[in-house]
Amino acid sequence: MLVTAYCLCHYNWVVRPRHIRENYEDIAQQGFNAVALSFSEDDAQYCQRTFEFHVNEAHKVGLKVLVIPSRLGNRFAGAPYMPSPWLAAHPEAQIPNFTSHLGAVGCVESPLFQEWIKGFMKKLLNNYDLDGIIWDEPKYTELASSHPDSIKVYGHSPTPDQVDDHFLDFFSDLCGFCATQKKDCIQTLFCSPSNREYFTSRAPKIKEISYAGYDGPLAPCSYFKEMPIKNKKYITDSWERTKRECKEAGVKTFALIENILLAATNIEEFSDNLHSYLKMASPEHIAFYYYGHNNEKPELIQKIVSDAIRSLKK
């Protein structure tokens, strides 16, 4: 079983090597055997030495290092929460007349966009000693594009299925390319529960994918002083779907449990639901945020997580 510590925006412009070493020692002691680190266009510009330091320090304590290619033309999630600088400079590779909450979105039928994202992944996989990739929530998979390259592929009035099919072609080609750059690269995919099942049932069948599943919380979330709310489906709601889709694809199961954005009033509910979930489900690759962000009592929540991880080992 892979037990991954999910870490996003891991540097925050302050790099104290002693603290980083202590973090990875603690991650290993808590029972994690892998760590997932985000890598965005911002990291490629400002964080290359720091990222290498993180990779090396994690390996020293025996952790596998999985990278989360983040945002990349707004076609994936991950962190930081930012638009794509490359796409802003290349409007000819954008979906025309569409703006997401993070700005422009890359056109997956555009050879220019395809070439750029492969070049980004080539540098990433060749510059660092990585063990695998986590593809975090492919975005806008069924969004039809009026880009000339899209119209060449599926015309002016495609069905959602046709658009999904061509995103799958793009993503399959990207996964295959990454496998040529890094031998034995572990590729994990998780989707949003809101993605159409047409897409989520087919994406795990890409031959390079080893694990597939979903993410989700286990209690209502709160960003600050507002009332906590259930803002997305719980991870418990996706387990049967995960099992079915992974069985059909012949891959192993994955789950990212979102131990983040928790107010003190919801910690007991999170703990109870976590124990219930782990009794019901048995993901073969499971991830938790390491000291997940924006929790009111981070030490307590991390203790609940570390105790749960130790229970998995028994």
C-alpha atoms as a PDB file:
ATOM      1  CA  MET A   1       0.000   0.000   0.000  1.00  0.00           C
ATOM      2  CA  LEU A   2       1.152   3.505  -0.825  1.00  0.00           C
ATOM      3  CA  VAL A   3       0.415   5.995   1.957  1.00  0.00           C
ATOM      4  CA  THR A   4       1.169   9.459   0.631  1.00  0.00           C
ATOM      5  CA  ALA A   5       1.647  12.731   2.453  1.00  0.00           C
ATOM      6  CA  TYR A   6       0.050  15.310   0.169  1.00  0.00           C
ATOM      7  CA  CYS A   7       2.026  18.558   0.244  1.00  0.00           C
ATOM      8  CA  LEU A   8       1.127  21.636  -1.813  1.00  0.00           C
ATOM      9  CA  CYS A   9       3.013  24.953  -2.028  1.00  0.00           C
ATOM     10  CA  HIS A  10       5.787  23.323  -0.043  1.00  0.00           C
ATOM     11  CA  TYR A  11       8.260  26.200   0.050  1.00  0.00           C
ATOM     12  CA  ASN A  12       6.319  29.455   0.557  1.00  0.00           C
ATOM     13  CA  TRP A  13       9.440  31.518  -0.207  1.00  0.00           C
ATOM     14  CA  VAL A  14      11.108  30.603   3.115  1.00  0.00           C
ATOM     15  CA  VAL A  15      13.519  27.675   2.968  1.00  0.00           C
ATOM     16  CA  ARG A  16      15.074  26.457   6.215  1.00  0.00           C
ATOM     17  CA  PRO A  17      16.861  23.161   5.446  1.00  0.00           C
ATOM     18  CA  ARG A  18      16.752  21.995   9.062  1.00  0.00           C
ATOM     19  CA  HIS A  19      12.989  22.340   9.189  1.00  0.00           C
ATOM     20  CA  ILE A  20      12.533  20.586   5.852  1.00  0.00           C
ATOM     21  CA  ARG A  21      14.633  17.630   7.044  1.00  0.00           C
ATOM     22  CA  GLU A  22      12.609  17.468  10.249  1.00  0.00           C
ATOM     23  CA  ASN A  23       9.370  17.457   8.234  1.00  0.00           C
ATOM     24  CA  TYR A  24      10.424  14.475   6.141  1.00  0.00           C
ATOM     25  CA  GLU A  25      11.703  12.581   9.170  1.00  0.00           C
ATOM     26  CA  ASP A  26       8.330  13.209  10.830  1.00  0.00           C
ATOM     27  CA  ILE A  27       6.414  12.149   7.709  1.00  0.00           C
ATOM     28  CA  ALA A  28       8.276   8.835   7.660  1.00  0.00           C
ATOM     29  CA  GLN A  29       7.836   8.309  11.409  1.00  0.00           C
ATOM     30  CA  GLN A  30       4.085   8.840  11.092  1.00  0.00           C
ATOM     31  CA  GLY A  31       3.887   5.885   8.713  1.00  0.00           C
ATOM     32  CA  PHE A  32       3.786   7.547   5.313  1.00  0.00           C
ATOM     33  CA  ASN A  33       5.921   5.863   2.653  1.00  0.00           C
ATOM     34  CA  ALA A  34       5.522   8.508  -0.063  1.00  0.00           C
ATOM     35  CA  VAL A  35       5.208  12.246  -0.403  1.00  0.00           C
ATOM     36  CA  ALA A  36       3.459  14.216  -3.154  1.00  0.00           C
ATOM     37  CA  LEU A  37       4.895  17.638  -4.029  1.00  0.00           C
ATOM     38  CA  SER A  38       3.256  20.168  -6.314  1.00  0.00           C
ATOM     39  CA  PHE A  39       5.212  21.616  -9.231  1.00  0.00           C
ATOM     40  CA  SER A  40       3.795  24.533 -11.189  1.00  0.00           C
ATOM     41  CA  GLU A  41       5.046  27.074 -13.688  1.00  0.00           C
ATOM     42  CA  ASP A  42       5.918  29.220 -10.668  1.00  0.00           C
ATOM     43  CA  ASP A  43       8.094  26.414  -9.274  1.00  0.00           C
ATOM     44  CA  ALA A  44       9.779  25.971 -12.643  1.00  0.00           C
ATOM     45  CA  GLN A  45      10.724  29.644 -12.554  1.00  0.00           C
ATOM     46  CA  TYR A  46      11.609  30.264  -8.909  1.00  0.00           C
ATOM     47  CA  CYS A  47      11.929  26.978  -7.045  1.00  0.00           C
ATOM     48  CA  GLN A  48      14.119  24.545  -8.968  1.00  0.00           C
ATOM     49  CA  ARG A  49      16.955  24.237  -6.441  1.00  0.00           C
ATOM     50  CA  THR A  50      14.495  24.135  -3.571  1.00  0.00           C
ATOM     51  CA  PHE A  51      12.437  21.431  -5.256  1.00  0.00           C
ATOM     52  CA  GLU A  52      15.562  19.328  -5.803  1.00  0.00           C
ATOM     53  CA  PHE A  53      16.413  19.759  -2.130  1.00  0.00           C
ATOM     54  CA  HIS A  54      12.956  18.515  -1.138  1.00  0.00           C
ATOM     55  CA  VAL A  55      13.233  15.489  -3.429  1.00  0.00           C
ATOM     56  CA  ASN A  56      16.658  14.539  -2.087  1.00  0.00           C
ATOM     57  CA  GLU A  57      15.710  14.990   1.566  1.00  0.00           C
ATOM     58  CA  ALA A  58      12.566  12.891   1.153  1.00  0.00           C
ATOM     59  CA  HIS A  59      14.549  10.095  -0.467  1.00  0.00           C
ATOM     60  CA  LYS A  60      17.089  10.124   2.376  1.00  0.00           C
ATOM     61  CA  VAL A  61      14.410   8.933   4.800  1.00  0.00           C
ATOM     62  CA  GLY A  62      13.081   6.299   2.398  1.00  0.00           C
ATOM     63  CA  LEU A  63      10.041   8.100   0.971  1.00  0.00           C
ATOM     64  CA  LYS A  64       8.959   7.774  -2.641  1.00  0.00           C
ATOM     65  CA  VAL A  65       8.511  11.188  -4.256  1.00  0.00           C
ATOM     66  CA  LEU A  66       5.465  11.763  -6.448  1.00  0.00           C
ATOM     67  CA  VAL A  67       5.026  15.039  -8.293  1.00  0.00           C
ATOM     68  CA  ILE A  68       1.716  16.873  -8.774  1.00  0.00           C
ATOM     69  CA  PRO A  69       1.972  18.825 -12.076  1.00  0.00           C
ATOM     70  CA  SER A  70      -0.116  21.807 -11.058  1.00  0.00           C
ATOM     71  CA  ARG A  71      -2.485  23.977 -13.107  1.00  0.00           C
ATOM     72  CA  LEU A  72      -0.574  23.773 -16.428  1.00  0.00           C
ATOM     73  CA  GLY A  73      -2.847  25.771 -18.681  1.00  0.00           C
ATOM     74  CA  ASN A  74      -5.711  25.315 -16.199  1.00  0.00           C
ATOM     75  CA  ARG A  75      -6.111  21.710 -17.339  1.00  0.00           C
ATOM     76  CA  PHE A  76      -5.305  20.216 -13.921  1.00  0.00           C
ATOM     77  CA  ALA A  77      -5.656  21.190 -10.277  1.00  0.00           C
ATOM     78  CA  GLY A  78      -2.870  21.314  -7.692  1.00  0.00           C
ATOM     79  CA  ALA A  79      -1.262  24.435  -6.263  1.00  0.00           C
ATOM     80  CA  PRO A  80      -0.706  27.315  -6.205  1.00  0.00           C
ATOM     81  CA  TYR A  81      -4.104  28.702  -7.099  1.00  0.00           C
ATOM     82  CA  MET A  82      -2.971  30.770 -10.061  1.00  0.00           C
ATOM     83  CA  PRO A  83      -3.421  31.326 -13.816  1.00  0.00           C
ATOM     84  CA  SER A  84      -0.958  29.971 -16.363  1.00  0.00           C
ATOM     85  CA  PRO A  85       1.754  32.512 -17.254  1.00  0.00           C
ATOM     86  CA  TRP A  86       2.658  30.611 -20.425  1.00  0.00           C
ATOM     87  CA  LEU A  87      -0.928  30.565 -21.607  1.00  0.00           C
ATOM     88  CA  ALA A  88      -1.317  34.291 -20.936  1.00  0.00           C
ATOM     89  CA  ALA A  89       1.642  34.856 -23.245  1.00  0.00           C
ATOM     90  CA  HIS A  90       0.253  32.518 -25.917  1.00  0.00           C
ATOM     91  CA  PRO A  91      -3.366  33.460 -26.618  1.00  0.00           C
ATOM     92  CA  GLU A  92      -3.224  31.411 -29.819  1.00  0.00           C
ATOM     93  CA  ALA A  93      -3.218  28.256 -27.633  1.00  0.00           C
ATOM     94  CA  GLN A  94      -6.240  29.302 -25.541  1.00  0.00           C
ATOM     95  CA  ILE A  95      -9.843  28.193 -25.887  1.00  0.00           C
ATOM     96  CA  PRO A  96     -11.455  31.258 -27.514  1.00  0.00           C
ATOM     97  CA  ASN A  97     -14.155  33.240 -25.738  1.00  0.00           C
ATOM     98  CA  PHE A  98     -13.909  31.301 -22.474  1.00  0.00           C
ATOM     99  CA  THR A  99     -12.478  32.394 -19.159  1.00  0.00           C
ATOM    100  CA  SER A 100     -12.352  30.158 -16.093  1.00  0.00           C
ATOM    101  CA  HIS A 101     -12.094  31.350 -12.486  1.00  0.00           C
ATOM    102  CA  LEU A 102      -8.320  31.257 -13.037  1.00  0.00           C
ATOM    103  CA  GLY A 103      -8.282  32.877 -16.437  1.00  0.00           C
ATOM    104  CA  ALA A 104      -7.631  31.319 -19.833  1.00  0.00           C
ATOM    105  CA  VAL A 105      -7.771  27.564 -20.490  1.00  0.00           C
ATOM    106  CA  GLY A 106      -5.461  25.693 -22.837  1.00  0.00           C
ATOM    107  CA  CYS A 107      -6.879  24.086 -25.963  1.00  0.00           C
ATOM    108  CA  VAL A 108      -5.959  20.402 -25.862  1.00  0.00           C
ATOM    109  CA  GLU A 109      -6.369  20.108 -29.647  1.00  0.00           C
ATOM    110  CA  SER A 110      -3.740  22.824 -30.189  1.00  0.00           C
ATOM    111  CA  PRO A 111      -0.366  21.353 -31.252  1.00  0.00           C
ATOM    112  CA  LEU A 112       1.293  24.378 -29.657  1.00  0.00           C
ATOM    113  CA  PHE A 113      -0.277  23.614 -26.274  1.00  0.00           C
ATOM    114  CA  GLN A 114       0.508  19.897 -26.629  1.00  0.00           C
ATOM    115  CA  GLU A 115       4.141  20.661 -27.420  1.00  0.00           C
ATOM    116  CA  TRP A 116       4.460  23.058 -24.483  1.00  0.00           C
ATOM    117  CA  ILE A 117       2.983  20.740 -21.852  1.00  0.00           C
ATOM    118  CA  LYS A 118       5.152  17.840 -23.031  1.00  0.00           C
ATOM    119  CA  GLY A 119       8.199  20.094 -22.867  1.00  0.00           C
ATOM    120  CA  PHE A 120       7.256  21.104 -19.330  1.00  0.00           C
ATOM    121  CA  MET A 121       6.905  17.460 -18.241  1.00  0.00           C
ATOM    122  CA  LYS A 122      10.114  16.447 -20.038  1.00  0.00           C
ATOM    123  CA  LYS A 123      12.159  18.959 -18.046  1.00  0.00           C
ATOM    124  CA  LEU A 124      10.397  18.040 -14.823  1.00  0.00           C
ATOM    125  CA  LEU A 125      10.928  14.289 -15.179  1.00  0.00           C
ATOM    126  CA  ASN A 126      14.511  14.589 -16.375  1.00  0.00           C
ATOM    127  CA  ASN A 127      15.705  17.237 -13.926  1.00  0.00           C
ATOM    128  CA  TYR A 128      14.604  15.455 -10.749  1.00  0.00           C
ATOM    129  CA  ASP A 129      14.776  11.933  -9.344  1.00  0.00           C
ATOM    130  CA  LEU A 130      11.033  11.360  -9.170  1.00  0.00           C
ATOM    131  CA  ASP A 131       9.206   8.094  -8.539  1.00  0.00           C
ATOM    132  CA  GLY A 132       5.864   9.004 -10.012  1.00  0.00           C
ATOM    133  CA  ILE A 133       3.146  11.470 -10.909  1.00  0.00           C
ATOM    134  CA  ILE A 134      -0.227  12.281  -9.386  1.00  0.00           C
ATOM    135  CA  TRP A 135      -2.572  13.785 -11.981  1.00  0.00           C
ATOM    136  CA  ASP A 136      -4.811  15.990  -9.859  1.00  0.00           C
ATOM    137  CA  GLU A 137      -8.355  16.506 -11.208  1.00  0.00           C
ATOM    138  CA  PRO A 138      -8.324  17.038 -14.990  1.00  0.00           C
ATOM    139  CA  LYS A 139     -10.358  20.158 -15.702  1.00  0.00           C
ATOM    140  CA  TYR A 140     -13.021  21.090 -18.284  1.00  0.00           C
ATOM    141  CA  THR A 141     -12.832  17.692 -19.948  1.00  0.00           C
ATOM    142  CA  GLU A 142     -16.211  18.113 -21.703  1.00  0.00           C
ATOM    143  CA  LEU A 143     -15.823  21.793 -22.600  1.00  0.00           C
ATOM    144  CA  ALA A 144     -16.237  22.245 -26.349  1.00  0.00           C
ATOM    145  CA  SER A 145     -13.785  24.636 -27.975  1.00  0.00           C
ATOM    146  CA  SER A 146     -14.237  26.909 -30.969  1.00  0.00           C
ATOM    147  CA  HIS A 147     -10.484  26.989 -31.553  1.00  0.00           C
ATOM    148  CA  PRO A 148      -9.659  26.268 -35.227  1.00  0.00           C
ATOM    149  CA  ASP A 149      -7.651  23.191 -34.195  1.00  0.00           C
ATOM    150  CA  SER A 150     -10.658  21.886 -32.243  1.00  0.00           C
ATOM    151  CA  ILE A 151     -13.031  22.452 -35.136  1.00  0.00           C
ATOM    152  CA  LYS A 152     -10.692  20.439 -37.376  1.00  0.00           C
ATOM    153  CA  VAL A 153     -11.016  17.553 -34.926  1.00  0.00           C
ATOM    154  CA  TYR A 154     -14.725  17.523 -34.011  1.00  0.00           C
ATOM    155  CA  GLY A 155     -16.511  20.271 -35.911  1.00  0.00           C
ATOM    156  CA  HIS A 156     -18.674  23.113 -34.659  1.00  0.00           C
ATOM    157  CA  SER A 157     -21.289  21.204 -32.639  1.00  0.00           C
ATOM    158  CA  PRO A 158     -19.666  18.219 -30.893  1.00  0.00           C
ATOM    159  CA  THR A 159     -21.423  16.176 -28.236  1.00  0.00           C
ATOM    160  CA  PRO A 160     -19.987  16.113 -24.684  1.00  0.00           C
ATOM    161  CA  ASP A 161     -18.886  12.530 -25.357  1.00  0.00           C
ATOM    162  CA  GLN A 162     -16.890  13.606 -28.405  1.00  0.00           C
ATOM    163  CA  VAL A 163     -15.188  16.378 -26.440  1.00  0.00           C
ATOM    164  CA  ASP A 164     -14.374  13.984 -23.592  1.00  0.00           C
ATOM    165  CA  ASP A 165     -12.960  11.512 -26.116  1.00  0.00           C
ATOM    166  CA  HIS A 166     -10.520  14.084 -27.429  1.00  0.00           C
ATOM    167  CA  PHE A 167      -9.457  15.108 -23.921  1.00  0.00           C
ATOM    168  CA  LEU A 168      -8.839  11.413 -23.299  1.00  0.00           C
ATOM    169  CA  ASP A 169      -6.714  11.278 -26.469  1.00  0.00           C
ATOM    170  CA  PHE A 170      -4.716  14.278 -25.235  1.00  0.00           C
ATOM    171  CA  PHE A 171      -4.305  12.861 -21.724  1.00  0.00           C
ATOM    172  CA  SER A 172      -3.421   9.364 -22.951  1.00  0.00           C
ATOM    173  CA  ASP A 173      -0.737  10.807 -25.214  1.00  0.00           C
ATOM    174  CA  LEU A 174       0.623  12.876 -22.314  1.00  0.00           C
ATOM    175  CA  CYS A 175       0.758   9.883 -19.946  1.00  0.00           C
ATOM    176  CA  GLY A 176       2.487   7.808 -22.595  1.00  0.00           C
ATOM    177  CA  PHE A 177       5.007  10.559 -23.230  1.00  0.00           C
ATOM    178  CA  CYS A 178       5.799  10.804 -19.507  1.00  0.00           C
ATOM    179  CA  ALA A 179       6.410   7.060 -19.371  1.00  0.00           C
ATOM    180  CA  THR A 180       9.042   7.413 -22.103  1.00  0.00           C
ATOM    181  CA  GLN A 181      10.826  10.058 -20.029  1.00  0.00           C
ATOM    182  CA  LYS A 182      10.877   8.160 -16.738  1.00  0.00           C
ATOM    183  CA  LYS A 183      11.169   4.392 -16.549  1.00  0.00           C
ATOM    184  CA  ASP A 184       8.901   2.725 -13.964  1.00  0.00           C
ATOM    185  CA  CYS A 185       7.050   6.005 -13.360  1.00  0.00           C
ATOM    186  CA  ILE A 186       4.038   5.403 -11.080  1.00  0.00           C
ATOM    187  CA  GLN A 187       1.102   7.369 -12.491  1.00  0.00           C
ATOM    188  CA  THR A 188      -1.922   7.990 -10.260  1.00  0.00           C
ATOM    189  CA  LEU A 189      -5.073   9.756 -11.437  1.00  0.00           C
ATOM    190  CA  PHE A 190      -7.868  11.179  -9.392  1.00  0.00           C
ATOM    191  CA  CYS A 191     -10.884  13.001 -10.744  1.00  0.00           C
ATOM    192  CA  SER A 192     -13.534  15.204  -9.235  1.00  0.00           C
ATOM    193  CA  PRO A 193     -16.758  13.393  -8.343  1.00  0.00           C
ATOM    194  CA  SER A 194     -18.501  16.014 -10.495  1.00  0.00           C
ATOM    195  CA  ASN A 195     -16.739  14.751 -13.623  1.00  0.00           C
ATOM    196  CA  ARG A 196     -19.007  12.836 -16.000  1.00  0.00           C
ATOM    197  CA  GLU A 197     -18.803   9.070 -15.605  1.00  0.00           C
ATOM    198  CA  TYR A 198     -18.242   8.846 -19.338  1.00  0.00           C
ATOM    199  CA  PHE A 199     -14.813  10.379 -18.665  1.00  0.00           C
ATOM    200  CA  THR A 200     -14.017   8.856 -15.276  1.00  0.00           C
ATOM    201  CA  SER A 201     -14.803   5.308 -16.413  1.00  0.00           C
ATOM    202  CA  ARG A 202     -12.468   5.627 -19.416  1.00  0.00           C
ATOM    203  CA  ALA A 203      -9.520   7.599 -18.058  1.00  0.00           C
ATOM    204  CA  PRO A 204      -8.272   4.791 -15.744  1.00  0.00           C
ATOM    205  CA  LYS A 205      -8.013   2.542 -18.804  1.00  0.00           C
ATOM    206  CA  ILE A 206      -5.061   4.579 -20.084  1.00  0.00           C
ATOM    207  CA  LYS A 207      -2.342   1.943 -19.933  1.00  0.00           C
ATOM    208  CA  GLU A 208       0.157   4.037 -17.962  1.00  0.00           C
ATOM    209  CA  ILE A 209      -2.277   4.658 -15.084  1.00  0.00           C
ATOM    210  CA  SER A 210      -1.626   2.427 -12.057  1.00  0.00           C
ATOM    211  CA  TYR A 211      -4.050   3.913  -9.502  1.00  0.00           C
ATOM    212  CA  ALA A 212      -7.306   5.847  -9.918  1.00  0.00           C
ATOM    213  CA  GLY A 213      -9.936   7.343  -7.673  1.00  0.00           C
ATOM    214  CA  TYR A 214     -11.249  10.542  -6.148  1.00  0.00           C
ATOM    215  CA  ASP A 215     -10.652  13.108  -3.438  1.00  0.00           C
ATOM    216  CA  GLY A 216     -13.100  14.449  -0.888  1.00  0.00           C
ATOM    217  CA  PRO A 217     -13.626  15.673   2.673  1.00  0.00           C
ATOM    218  CA  LEU A 218     -15.248  13.889   5.591  1.00  0.00           C
ATOM    219  CA  ALA A 219     -16.802  16.850   7.389  1.00  0.00           C
ATOM    220  CA  PRO A 220     -18.153  20.318   6.570  1.00  0.00           C
ATOM    221  CA  CYS A 221     -15.505  22.867   5.614  1.00  0.00           C
ATOM    222  CA  SER A 222     -14.928  26.458   6.688  1.00  0.00           C
ATOM    223  CA  TYR A 223     -12.464  29.006   5.336  1.00  0.00           C
ATOM    224  CA  PHE A 224     -12.568  31.250   8.397  1.00  0.00           C
ATOM    225  CA  LYS A 225     -15.408  32.449  10.618  1.00  0.00           C
ATOM    226  CA  GLU A 226     -18.340  31.510   8.405  1.00  0.00           C
ATOM    227  CA  MET A 227     -20.569  28.534   9.207  1.00  0.00           C
ATOM    228  CA  PRO A 228     -19.002  25.239   7.998  1.00  0.00           C
ATOM    229  CA  ILE A 229     -20.789  23.720   5.024  1.00  0.00           C
ATOM    230  CA  LYS A 230     -20.610  20.550   2.962  1.00  0.00           C
ATOM    231  CA  ASN A 231     -19.118  22.085  -0.182  1.00  0.00           C
ATOM    232  CA  LYS A 232     -18.441  18.884  -2.157  1.00  0.00           C
ATOM    233  CA  LYS A 233     -19.172  15.185  -2.057  1.00  0.00           C
ATOM    234  CA  TYR A 234     -17.531  13.273   0.766  1.00  0.00           C
ATOM    235  CA  ILE A 235     -14.889  10.680  -0.074  1.00  0.00           C
ATOM    236  CA  THR A 236     -17.269   8.038   1.309  1.00  0.00           C
ATOM    237  CA  ASP A 237     -19.701   8.833  -1.513  1.00  0.00           C
ATOM    238  CA  SER A 238     -17.111   7.906  -4.162  1.00  0.00           C
ATOM    239  CA  TRP A 239     -15.858   4.548  -2.901  1.00  0.00           C
ATOM    240  CA  GLU A 240     -18.294   2.297  -4.791  1.00  0.00           C
ATOM    241  CA  ARG A 241     -17.682   4.315  -7.955  1.00  0.00           C
ATOM    242  CA  THR A 242     -13.924   3.995  -7.419  1.00  0.00           C
ATOM    243  CA  LYS A 243     -14.102   0.227  -6.999  1.00  0.00           C
ATOM    244  CA  ARG A 244     -16.303  -0.214 -10.061  1.00  0.00           C
ATOM    245  CA  GLU A 245     -14.223   1.952 -12.361  1.00  0.00           C
ATOM    246  CA  CYS A 246     -10.902   0.521 -11.190  1.00  0.00           C
ATOM    247  CA  LYS A 247     -12.136  -3.047 -11.556  1.00  0.00           C
ATOM    248  CA  GLU A 248     -13.292  -2.357 -15.121  1.00  0.00           C
ATOM    249  CA  ALA A 249      -9.953  -0.726 -15.943  1.00  0.00           C
ATOM    250  CA  GLY A 250      -7.795  -3.311 -14.173  1.00  0.00           C
ATOM    251  CA  VAL A 251      -6.025  -0.722 -11.990  1.00  0.00           C
ATOM    252  CA  LYS A 252      -5.638  -0.208  -8.246  1.00  0.00           C
ATOM    253  CA  THR A 253      -7.752   2.129  -6.120  1.00  0.00           C
ATOM    254  CA  PHE A 254      -6.800   5.582  -4.831  1.00  0.00           C
ATOM    255  CA  ALA A 255      -8.315   8.071  -2.388  1.00  0.00           C
ATOM    256  CA  LEU A 256      -7.167  11.508  -1.206  1.00  0.00           C
ATOM    257  CA  ILE A 257      -8.830  12.320   2.110  1.00  0.00           C
ATOM    258  CA  GLU A 258      -9.131  16.070   2.514  1.00  0.00           C
ATOM    259  CA  ASN A 259      -8.187  16.792   6.119  1.00  0.00           C
ATOM    260  CA  ILE A 260      -8.248  20.546   5.444  1.00  0.00           C
ATOM    261  CA  LEU A 261     -10.402  23.626   6.113  1.00  0.00           C
ATOM    262  CA  LEU A 262     -11.685  22.171   9.387  1.00  0.00           C
ATOM    263  CA  ALA A 263     -13.160  24.290  12.171  1.00  0.00           C
ATOM    264  CA  ALA A 264     -12.751  23.041  15.734  1.00  0.00           C
ATOM    265  CA  THR A 265     -16.474  22.257  15.915  1.00  0.00           C
ATOM    266  CA  ASN A 266     -16.155  19.680  13.113  1.00  0.00           C
ATOM    267  CA  ILE A 267     -13.069  17.770  14.217  1.00  0.00           C
ATOM    268  CA  GLU A 268     -15.003  15.082  16.087  1.00  0.00           C
ATOM    269  CA  GLU A 269     -17.196  14.501  13.041  1.00  0.00           C
ATOM    270  CA  PHE A 270     -14.099  14.258  10.844  1.00  0.00           C
ATOM    271  CA  SER A 271     -12.516  11.719  13.200  1.00  0.00           C
ATOM    272  CA  ASP A 272     -15.650   9.561  13.421  1.00  0.00           C
ATOM    273  CA  ASN A 273     -16.181   9.594   9.658  1.00  0.00           C
ATOM    274  CA  LEU A 274     -12.517   8.797   9.003  1.00  0.00           C
ATOM    275  CA  HIS A 275     -12.677   5.683  11.156  1.00  0.00           C
ATOM    276  CA  SER A 276     -15.931   4.626   9.488  1.00  0.00           C
ATOM    277  CA  TYR A 277     -14.460   5.173   6.036  1.00  0.00           C
ATOM    278  CA  LEU A 278     -11.340   3.114   6.771  1.00  0.00           C
ATOM    279  CA  LYS A 279     -13.495   0.253   8.075  1.00  0.00           C
ATOM    280  CA  MET A 280     -15.540   0.334   4.867  1.00  0.00           C
ATOM    281  CA  ALA A 281     -12.886   1.126   2.259  1.00  0.00           C
ATOM    282  CA  SER A 282      -9.420  -0.199   1.535  1.00  0.00           C
ATOM    283  CA  PRO A 283      -7.716   2.042  -1.054  1.00  0.00           C
ATOM    284  CA  GLU A 284      -4.457   0.589  -2.325  1.00  0.00           C
ATOM    285  CA  HIS A 285      -3.029   4.107  -2.556  1.00  0.00           C
ATOM    286  CA  ILE A 286      -4.303   6.496   0.098  1.00  0.00           C
ATOM    287  CA  ALA A 287      -3.259  10.096   0.679  1.00  0.00           C
ATOM    288  CA  PHE A 288      -3.764  12.618   3.455  1.00  0.00           C
ATOM    289  CA  TYR A 289      -2.619  16.213   3.602  1.00  0.00           C
ATOM    290  CA  TYR A 290       0.423  16.573   5.837  1.00  0.00           C
ATOM    291  CA  TYR A 291      -0.606  19.256   8.303  1.00  0.00           C
ATOM    292  CA  GLY A 292      -3.396  20.250   5.937  1.00  0.00           C
ATOM    293  CA  HIS A 293      -3.867  23.957   5.453  1.00  0.00           C
ATOM    294  CA  ASN A 294      -6.367  26.228   7.177  1.00  0.00           C
ATOM    295  CA  ASN A 295      -7.316  23.926  10.061  1.00  0.00           C
ATOM    296  CA  GLU A 296      -8.273  25.559  13.341  1.00  0.00           C
ATOM    297  CA  LYS A 297      -6.437  22.901  15.398  1.00  0.00           C
ATOM    298  CA  PRO A 298      -3.756  21.501  13.064  1.00  0.00           C
ATOM    299  CA  GLU A 299      -1.875  19.457  15.663  1.00  0.00           C
ATOM    300  CA  LEU A 300      -5.007  17.626  16.755  1.00  0.00           C
ATOM    301  CA  ILE A 301      -6.095  16.892  13.204  1.00  0.00           C
ATOM    302  CA  GLN A 302      -2.639  15.606  12.258  1.00  0.00           C
ATOM    303  CA  LYS A 303      -2.654  13.320  15.310  1.00  0.00           C
ATOM    304  CA  ILE A 304      -5.994  11.877  14.178  1.00  0.00           C
ATOM    305  CA  VAL A 305      -4.485  11.274  10.743  1.00  0.00           C
ATOM    306  CA  SER A 306      -1.243   9.725  12.042  1.00  0.00           C
ATOM    307  CA  ASP A 307      -3.207   7.419  14.378  1.00  0.00           C
ATOM    308  CA  ALA A 308      -5.324   6.327  11.419  1.00  0.00           C
ATOM    309  CA  ILE A 309      -2.220   5.602   9.352  1.00  0.00           C
ATOM    310  CA  ARG A 310      -0.761   3.469  12.123  1.00  0.00           C
ATOM    311  CA  SER A 311      -4.037   1.535  12.311  1.00  0.00           C
ATOM    312  CA  LEU A 312      -3.670   0.742   8.591  1.00  0.00           C
ATOM    313  CA  LYS A 313      -0.321  -0.902   9.309  1.00  0.00           C
ATOM    314  CA  LYS A 314      -1.747  -3.310  11.911  1.00  0.00           C
END
